[in-house]
Protein backbone atom coordinates (compact mmCIF):
# COMPACT_ATOMS: atom_id res chain seq x y z
CA MET A 1 0.13 0.18 0.27
CA SER A 2 0.85 3.74 0.09
CA THR A 3 2.66 5.83 1.75
CA HIS A 4 -0.80 8.14 1.72
CA ALA A 5 -3.39 5.89 2.03
CA LYS A 6 -1.90 3.06 4.43
CA ARG A 7 -1.31 6.22 6.38
CA GLU A 8 -5.19 6.72 6.46
CA ARG A 9 -6.27 3.75 6.78
CA LEU A 10 -4.71 2.06 9.41
CA LEU A 11 -5.49 6.32 11.54
CA LEU A 12 -9.09 5.77 10.08
CA ALA A 13 -8.72 2.14 12.00
CA ASP A 14 -7.87 3.85 15.13
CA LEU A 15 -10.01 6.64 15.08
CA LEU A 16 -13.30 3.19 14.32
CA GLU A 17 -11.33 1.51 17.55
CA ALA A 18 -11.74 3.54 19.59
CA ALA A 19 -14.83 5.19 18.88
CA GLY A 20 -16.44 1.89 19.67
CA PRO A 21 -19.52 0.33 17.73
CA GLU A 22 -22.34 2.22 18.87
CA SER A 23 -21.03 5.74 18.25
CA PRO A 24 -22.30 8.46 15.21
CA THR A 25 -20.71 9.41 12.23
CA LEU A 26 -21.66 11.73 9.39
CA CYS A 27 -22.48 9.41 6.79
CA GLY A 28 -26.23 9.05 7.61
CA GLY A 29 -27.39 6.82 9.29
CA TRP A 30 -24.74 5.16 10.25
CA LYS A 31 -23.13 4.26 14.13
CA THR A 32 -19.38 3.93 14.18
CA ARG A 33 -20.23 -0.69 13.21
CA ASP A 34 -22.40 0.35 10.21
CA LEU A 35 -19.22 2.31 8.40
CA ALA A 36 -16.35 -0.08 9.09
CA ALA A 37 -18.85 -2.18 7.09
CA HIS A 38 -19.42 0.12 4.54
CA VAL A 39 -15.66 0.34 4.19
CA VAL A 40 -14.44 -3.82 4.54
CA VAL A 41 -17.23 -4.55 2.17
CA ARG A 42 -16.10 -1.69 -0.58
CA GLU A 43 -12.71 -3.70 -0.23
CA ARG A 44 -13.61 -7.30 -0.14
CA ARG A 45 -17.05 -7.48 -1.96
CA PRO A 46 -17.16 -6.60 -5.67
CA ASP A 47 -20.61 -8.23 -5.98
CA ALA A 48 -21.91 -6.39 -4.01
CA ALA A 49 -19.87 -2.60 -3.34
CA GLY A 50 -21.45 -1.77 -7.33
CA GLY A 51 -24.31 -0.63 -5.39
CA ILE A 52 -22.30 1.94 -3.66
CA LEU A 53 -22.49 3.33 -7.58
CA LEU A 54 -25.36 1.42 -8.91
CA GLY A 55 -29.40 2.13 -7.87
CA VAL A 56 -29.78 -1.73 -9.28
CA LEU A 57 -27.28 -3.54 -6.70
CA LYS A 58 -28.54 -1.45 -4.07
CA ASP A 59 -29.82 -3.98 -2.52
CA ARG A 60 -27.16 -6.31 -2.52
CA LEU A 61 -25.06 -3.69 -0.91
CA ASP A 62 -27.85 -3.18 2.20
CA ARG A 63 -27.94 -6.95 3.26
CA VAL A 64 -24.12 -7.62 2.39
CA GLN A 65 -23.30 -4.86 4.16
CA ALA A 66 -25.78 -5.42 6.97
CA GLU A 67 -24.53 -9.36 7.56
CA PHE A 68 -20.50 -7.32 7.99
CA ALA A 69 -22.38 -4.88 10.79
CA ALA A 70 -23.17 -8.16 12.55
CA LYS A 71 -19.80 -9.62 12.73
CA PRO A 72 -17.87 -9.02 15.55
CA TYR A 73 -16.54 -5.22 14.94
CA ASP A 74 -13.26 -6.36 16.61
CA GLU A 75 -13.11 -8.69 13.68
CA LEU A 76 -14.50 -5.52 11.68
CA ILE A 77 -11.59 -3.53 12.16
CA GLN A 78 -8.23 -5.87 11.81
CA LEU A 79 -9.76 -5.92 8.17
CA ILE A 80 -9.33 -2.40 8.23
CA ARG A 81 -6.31 -2.44 8.35
CA THR A 82 -4.41 -5.18 7.01
CA GLY A 83 -6.47 -3.59 3.06
CA PRO A 84 -7.49 -5.92 1.32
CA PRO A 85 -6.36 -9.24 -0.30
CA ARG A 86 -4.86 -9.64 -3.45
CA SER A 87 -7.80 -10.12 -5.69
CA SER A 88 -8.89 -6.79 -3.94
CA VAL A 89 -8.81 -4.49 -6.83
CA TYR A 90 -7.81 -2.41 -3.73
CA SER A 91 -4.28 -4.39 -3.89
CA LEU A 92 -3.09 -2.65 -6.91
CA LYS A 93 -0.48 -0.30 -5.11
CA GLN A 94 -1.77 2.97 -7.40
CA LEU A 95 -5.97 1.78 -6.71
CA ASP A 96 -5.02 1.84 -3.44
CA GLU A 97 -3.34 6.04 -3.11
CA VAL A 98 -5.38 7.10 -6.04
CA ALA A 99 -8.92 5.42 -4.39
CA ASN A 100 -8.24 5.15 -0.86
CA THR A 101 -6.27 8.10 0.14
CA VAL A 102 -9.72 10.55 0.11
CA GLU A 103 -12.04 7.98 -0.10
CA PHE A 104 -10.43 6.37 4.03
CA TYR A 105 -9.82 10.79 4.96
CA VAL A 106 -13.07 11.18 4.42
CA HIS A 107 -14.23 8.61 6.14
CA SER A 108 -11.37 9.55 9.76
CA GLU A 109 -13.46 13.06 8.97
CA ASP A 110 -16.35 11.36 9.60
CA VAL A 111 -15.53 9.99 12.52
CA ARG A 112 -13.89 12.85 14.75
CA ARG A 113 -17.01 15.57 13.43
CA ALA A 114 -19.31 13.55 14.79
CA HIS A 115 -18.54 14.88 18.26
CA ASP A 116 -18.59 18.02 18.95
CA ASP A 117 -15.24 18.28 21.08
CA TRP A 118 -13.62 17.65 17.61
CA THR A 119 -9.90 20.11 16.47
CA PRO A 120 -8.79 20.50 12.98
CA ARG A 121 -6.04 17.90 11.46
CA ASP A 122 -2.44 19.64 10.57
CA LEU A 123 -2.08 18.37 7.99
CA ASP A 124 1.23 18.19 6.08
CA PRO A 125 1.48 20.44 2.37
CA VAL A 126 2.25 17.09 1.49
CA PHE A 127 -0.71 16.00 1.81
CA ALA A 128 -2.87 18.65 1.91
CA GLN A 129 -1.20 18.46 -1.97
CA VAL A 130 -2.36 15.56 -2.75
CA LEU A 131 -6.37 16.67 -1.45
CA TRP A 132 -6.58 18.93 -3.82
CA ALA A 133 -4.99 17.98 -5.79
CA ARG A 134 -7.35 14.76 -5.91
CA LEU A 135 -10.11 17.39 -5.03
CA GLU A 136 -9.17 19.49 -8.97
CA LYS A 137 -9.77 15.55 -10.99
CA MET A 138 -13.12 15.34 -8.59
CA ALA A 139 -14.60 18.66 -8.44
CA ARG A 140 -17.15 18.71 -11.66
CA VAL A 141 -18.21 15.18 -10.29
CA LEU A 142 -18.99 16.78 -6.58
CA GLY A 143 -20.47 19.64 -7.50
CA ARG A 144 -22.44 18.28 -9.91
CA LYS A 145 -26.14 18.38 -7.96
CA SER A 146 -25.73 22.10 -6.74
CA PRO A 147 -27.91 24.02 -7.56
CA VAL A 148 -26.01 27.46 -7.83
CA GLY A 149 -22.00 27.36 -9.51
CA LEU A 150 -19.94 26.72 -7.77
CA VAL A 151 -16.17 27.77 -7.35
CA LEU A 152 -13.98 26.26 -4.26
CA ARG A 153 -10.47 27.96 -4.26
CA ARG A 154 -7.74 27.86 -2.05
CA PRO A 155 -6.88 30.62 0.35
CA ASP A 156 -3.55 31.05 -2.17
CA GLY A 157 -6.29 31.03 -5.17
CA GLN A 158 -5.54 28.25 -6.27
CA THR A 159 -9.50 26.92 -8.29
CA ALA A 160 -12.03 24.70 -8.62
CA VAL A 161 -15.27 24.52 -10.73
CA ALA A 162 -17.19 22.57 -8.84
CA ARG A 163 -20.32 23.46 -11.22
CA ARG A 164 -20.12 26.24 -13.87
CA GLY A 165 -23.46 28.36 -13.79
CA THR A 166 -24.99 31.58 -11.19
CA PRO A 167 -25.25 33.05 -8.84
CA VAL A 168 -22.04 32.15 -8.67
CA VAL A 169 -20.87 30.34 -4.87
CA THR A 170 -16.98 30.76 -3.74
CA VAL A 171 -16.38 28.24 -0.82
CA THR A 172 -13.24 29.43 0.76
CA GLY A 173 -11.02 27.28 2.51
CA GLU A 174 -7.59 24.58 3.07
CA PRO A 175 -7.79 21.31 0.79
CA GLY A 176 -9.03 19.55 2.95
CA GLU A 177 -11.81 21.73 4.34
CA LEU A 178 -13.69 22.00 0.58
CA LEU A 179 -13.26 17.93 0.48
CA LEU A 180 -14.93 18.29 3.14
CA PHE A 181 -17.38 20.37 1.82
CA ALA A 182 -17.93 18.76 -1.80
CA PHE A 183 -17.54 14.83 0.50
CA GLY A 184 -21.37 17.29 1.58
CA ARG A 185 -20.20 17.00 5.50
CA GLN A 186 -21.04 21.02 4.67
CA ASN A 187 -21.41 21.90 8.64
CA VAL A 188 -18.27 21.12 9.49
CA ALA A 189 -16.28 21.97 6.81
CA ARG A 190 -14.37 25.02 7.76
CA VAL A 191 -14.79 27.15 5.23
CA GLU A 192 -15.99 30.66 4.10
CA LEU A 193 -18.55 31.22 1.52
CA GLU A 194 -19.12 34.42 -0.15
CA GLY A 195 -22.46 34.92 -2.86
CA ASP A 196 -25.60 36.38 -3.24
CA LYS A 197 -27.32 34.96 0.61
CA GLU A 198 -29.77 32.34 -1.15
CA ALA A 199 -27.48 31.03 -3.50
CA VAL A 200 -25.03 30.78 0.02
CA ALA A 201 -27.87 29.39 2.10
CA ARG A 202 -28.55 26.91 -1.19
CA ALA A 203 -24.98 26.26 -1.38
CA GLN A 204 -25.37 24.52 2.30
CA GLU A 205 -28.01 22.94 1.70
CA ALA A 206 -26.57 21.06 -1.44
CA ASP A 207 -26.61 17.40 -2.73
CA LEU A 208 -23.66 17.50 -3.11
CA GLY A 209 -20.53 14.23 -2.68
CA ILE A 210 -20.58 10.62 -4.63
């Protein structure tokens, strides 16, 4: 596994373990047990994981994920830590880096920021740049449902257009915070929004993300 993905994987496993199986997360109504099951199914059950994107497979995904959620919590955490089997596409180093760095970063924050006493992580510049590079490539997909034009901007002025259109809302923040905003975690992302008041409100409530 590559450096960033491996680090985020281990951090997520540690956070899930420390939180216990019944803690809240930012993933809808999921508790930590459900989130752990999601991570395992995504990597180990491609026959069901397609339901994450394809509605026709959603019932199967829900059924398989419920089966994994019923397993001992410690077993789920260990499966996350050890990573996918060699038969999984996620065992390929390049795909692991591309697909899992962001996935695990977002889910780690889903665990951390579900509690009132969270504080932002101090991300090193190299990792922040990795997140920004991913966000630049994903911005149009993540922002496709935005009801307003949406521009993501770093403090240094670099921008990524998530949705063309008017009125325009500009969201300014560090890469990790912009990524969370674009993944639909607007309520916990530490960002500043500029634009028409009504447009800003619509951006904050938009159904962003995959």
